[in-house]
């Protein structure tokens, strides 16, 4: 993650040994390990929670889009049915459909 090499870790360990001494170094290393573990768990739990929220938002968005698409298809089918009904009504009322001769326009 940060690109710390083995030589750098060895240098940090050597400085810690000189500063803390051989008696306190194992306790300090154990405490540092516990704190690092806690930080990693905290970051992982936050990361999982954020990913869960993002996933939930994506699912909500997808459901919303599917509802919109369903409503559009229903309205299109309703419009098509109304248009077909209007055409059928126009055909039924036309003089050709009733086998009547066409009427000349009336003069005013």
Protein backbone atom coordinates (compact mmCIF):
# COMPACT_ATOMS: atom_id res chain seq x y z
CA UNK A 1 0.00 0.00 0.00
CA UNK A 2 2.72 2.47 0.98
CA UNK A 3 5.58 0.55 -0.59
CA UNK A 4 7.55 -0.21 2.59
CA UNK A 5 10.36 -2.62 1.78
CA UNK A 6 11.97 -5.21 4.05
CA UNK A 7 15.01 -2.97 4.60
CA UNK A 8 12.81 -0.14 5.81
CA UNK A 9 10.99 -2.46 8.20
CA UNK A 10 14.33 -3.70 9.53
CA UNK A 11 15.46 -0.11 10.11
CA UNK A 12 12.20 0.73 11.96
CA UNK A 13 12.62 -2.39 14.14
CA UNK A 14 16.21 -1.50 14.95
CA UNK A 15 15.29 2.08 15.93
CA UNK A 16 12.40 0.78 18.06
CA UNK A 17 14.77 -1.66 19.79
CA UNK A 18 17.18 1.15 20.58
CA UNK A 19 14.46 3.57 21.79
CA UNK A 20 12.26 1.17 23.76
CA UNK A 21 14.80 -1.38 24.83
CA UNK A 22 14.55 -5.18 24.78
CA UNK A 23 12.17 -5.33 27.78
CA UNK A 24 9.40 -3.09 26.44
CA UNK A 25 9.70 -3.86 22.68
CA UNK A 26 7.55 -7.07 22.68
CA UNK A 27 4.73 -5.32 24.59
CA UNK A 28 4.88 -2.29 22.30
CA UNK A 29 4.83 -4.52 19.19
CA UNK A 30 1.83 -6.44 20.56
CA UNK A 31 -0.02 -3.19 21.34
CA UNK A 32 0.80 -1.76 17.92
CA UNK A 33 -0.45 -4.98 16.29
CA UNK A 34 -3.73 -4.78 18.22
CA UNK A 35 -4.28 -1.16 17.22
CA UNK A 36 -3.49 -1.87 13.57
CA UNK A 37 -5.92 -4.82 13.64
CA UNK A 38 -8.66 -2.64 15.13
CA UNK A 39 -8.08 0.04 12.49
CA UNK A 40 -8.23 -2.52 9.68
CA UNK A 41 -11.47 -4.00 11.03
CA UNK A 42 -12.99 -0.53 11.39
CA UNK A 43 -12.05 0.45 7.85
CA UNK A 44 -13.33 -2.86 6.47
CA UNK A 45 -16.67 -2.50 8.26
CA UNK A 46 -17.05 1.08 7.00
CA UNK A 47 -16.13 -0.06 3.50
CA UNK A 48 -18.68 -2.89 3.60
CA UNK A 49 -21.38 -0.56 4.87
CA UNK A 50 -20.71 1.96 2.11
CA UNK A 51 -20.72 -0.81 -0.52
CA UNK A 52 -24.00 -2.13 0.89
CA UNK A 53 -25.55 1.36 0.69
CA UNK A 54 -24.28 1.84 -2.85
CA UNK A 55 -25.72 -1.54 -3.80
CA UNK A 56 -29.06 -0.67 -2.19
CA UNK A 57 -29.16 2.65 -4.05
CA UNK A 58 -28.38 0.86 -7.31
CA UNK A 59 -31.19 -1.65 -6.69
CA UNK A 60 -33.61 1.19 -5.88
CA UNK A 61 -32.59 3.03 -9.05
CA UNK A 62 -33.00 -0.13 -11.13
CA UNK A 63 -36.46 -0.84 -9.67
CA UNK A 64 -37.48 2.76 -10.31
CA UNK A 65 -36.32 2.50 -13.93
CA UNK A 66 -38.19 -0.80 -14.37
CA UNK A 67 -41.37 0.77 -12.97
CA UNK A 68 -41.05 3.69 -15.37
CA UNK A 69 -40.50 1.33 -18.30
CA UNK A 70 -43.54 -0.75 -17.28
CA UNK A 71 -45.70 2.37 -17.03
CA UNK A 72 -44.50 3.57 -20.43
CA UNK A 73 -45.25 0.23 -22.06
CA UNK A 74 -48.71 0.18 -20.45
CA UNK A 75 -49.44 3.72 -21.65
CA UNK A 76 -48.22 2.85 -25.15
CA UNK A 77 -50.44 -0.24 -25.28
CA UNK A 78 -53.37 1.82 -23.96
CA UNK A 79 -52.74 4.50 -26.57
CA UNK A 80 -52.52 1.87 -29.29
CA UNK A 81 -55.80 0.31 -28.12
CA UNK A 82 -57.50 3.72 -28.07
CA UNK A 83 -56.16 4.49 -31.53
CA UNK A 84 -57.43 1.13 -32.84
CA UNK A 85 -60.81 1.77 -31.21
CA UNK A 86 -61.03 5.19 -32.85
CA UNK A 87 -60.21 3.66 -36.22
CA UNK A 88 -62.90 0.98 -35.73
CA UNK A 89 -65.44 3.65 -34.75
CA UNK A 90 -64.52 5.73 -37.78
CA UNK A 91 -64.90 2.71 -40.05
CA UNK A 92 -68.26 1.74 -38.54
CA UNK A 93 -69.70 5.23 -39.01
CA UNK A 94 -68.34 5.76 -42.51
CA UNK A 95 -70.89 5.46 -45.34
CA UNK A 96 -68.73 2.95 -47.19
CA UNK A 97 -68.76 0.56 -44.26
CA UNK A 98 -72.59 0.71 -44.08
CA UNK A 99 -72.93 0.20 -47.87
CA UNK A 100 -74.53 3.63 -48.25
CA UNK A 101 -73.73 5.94 -51.13
CA UNK A 102 -71.65 8.94 -50.12
CA UNK A 103 -73.68 12.06 -49.35
CA UNK A 104 -72.90 15.22 -51.33
CA UNK A 105 -71.93 18.21 -49.18
CA UNK A 106 -74.81 20.40 -48.17
CA UNK A 107 -75.00 23.97 -49.37
CA UNK A 108 -75.58 26.73 -46.86
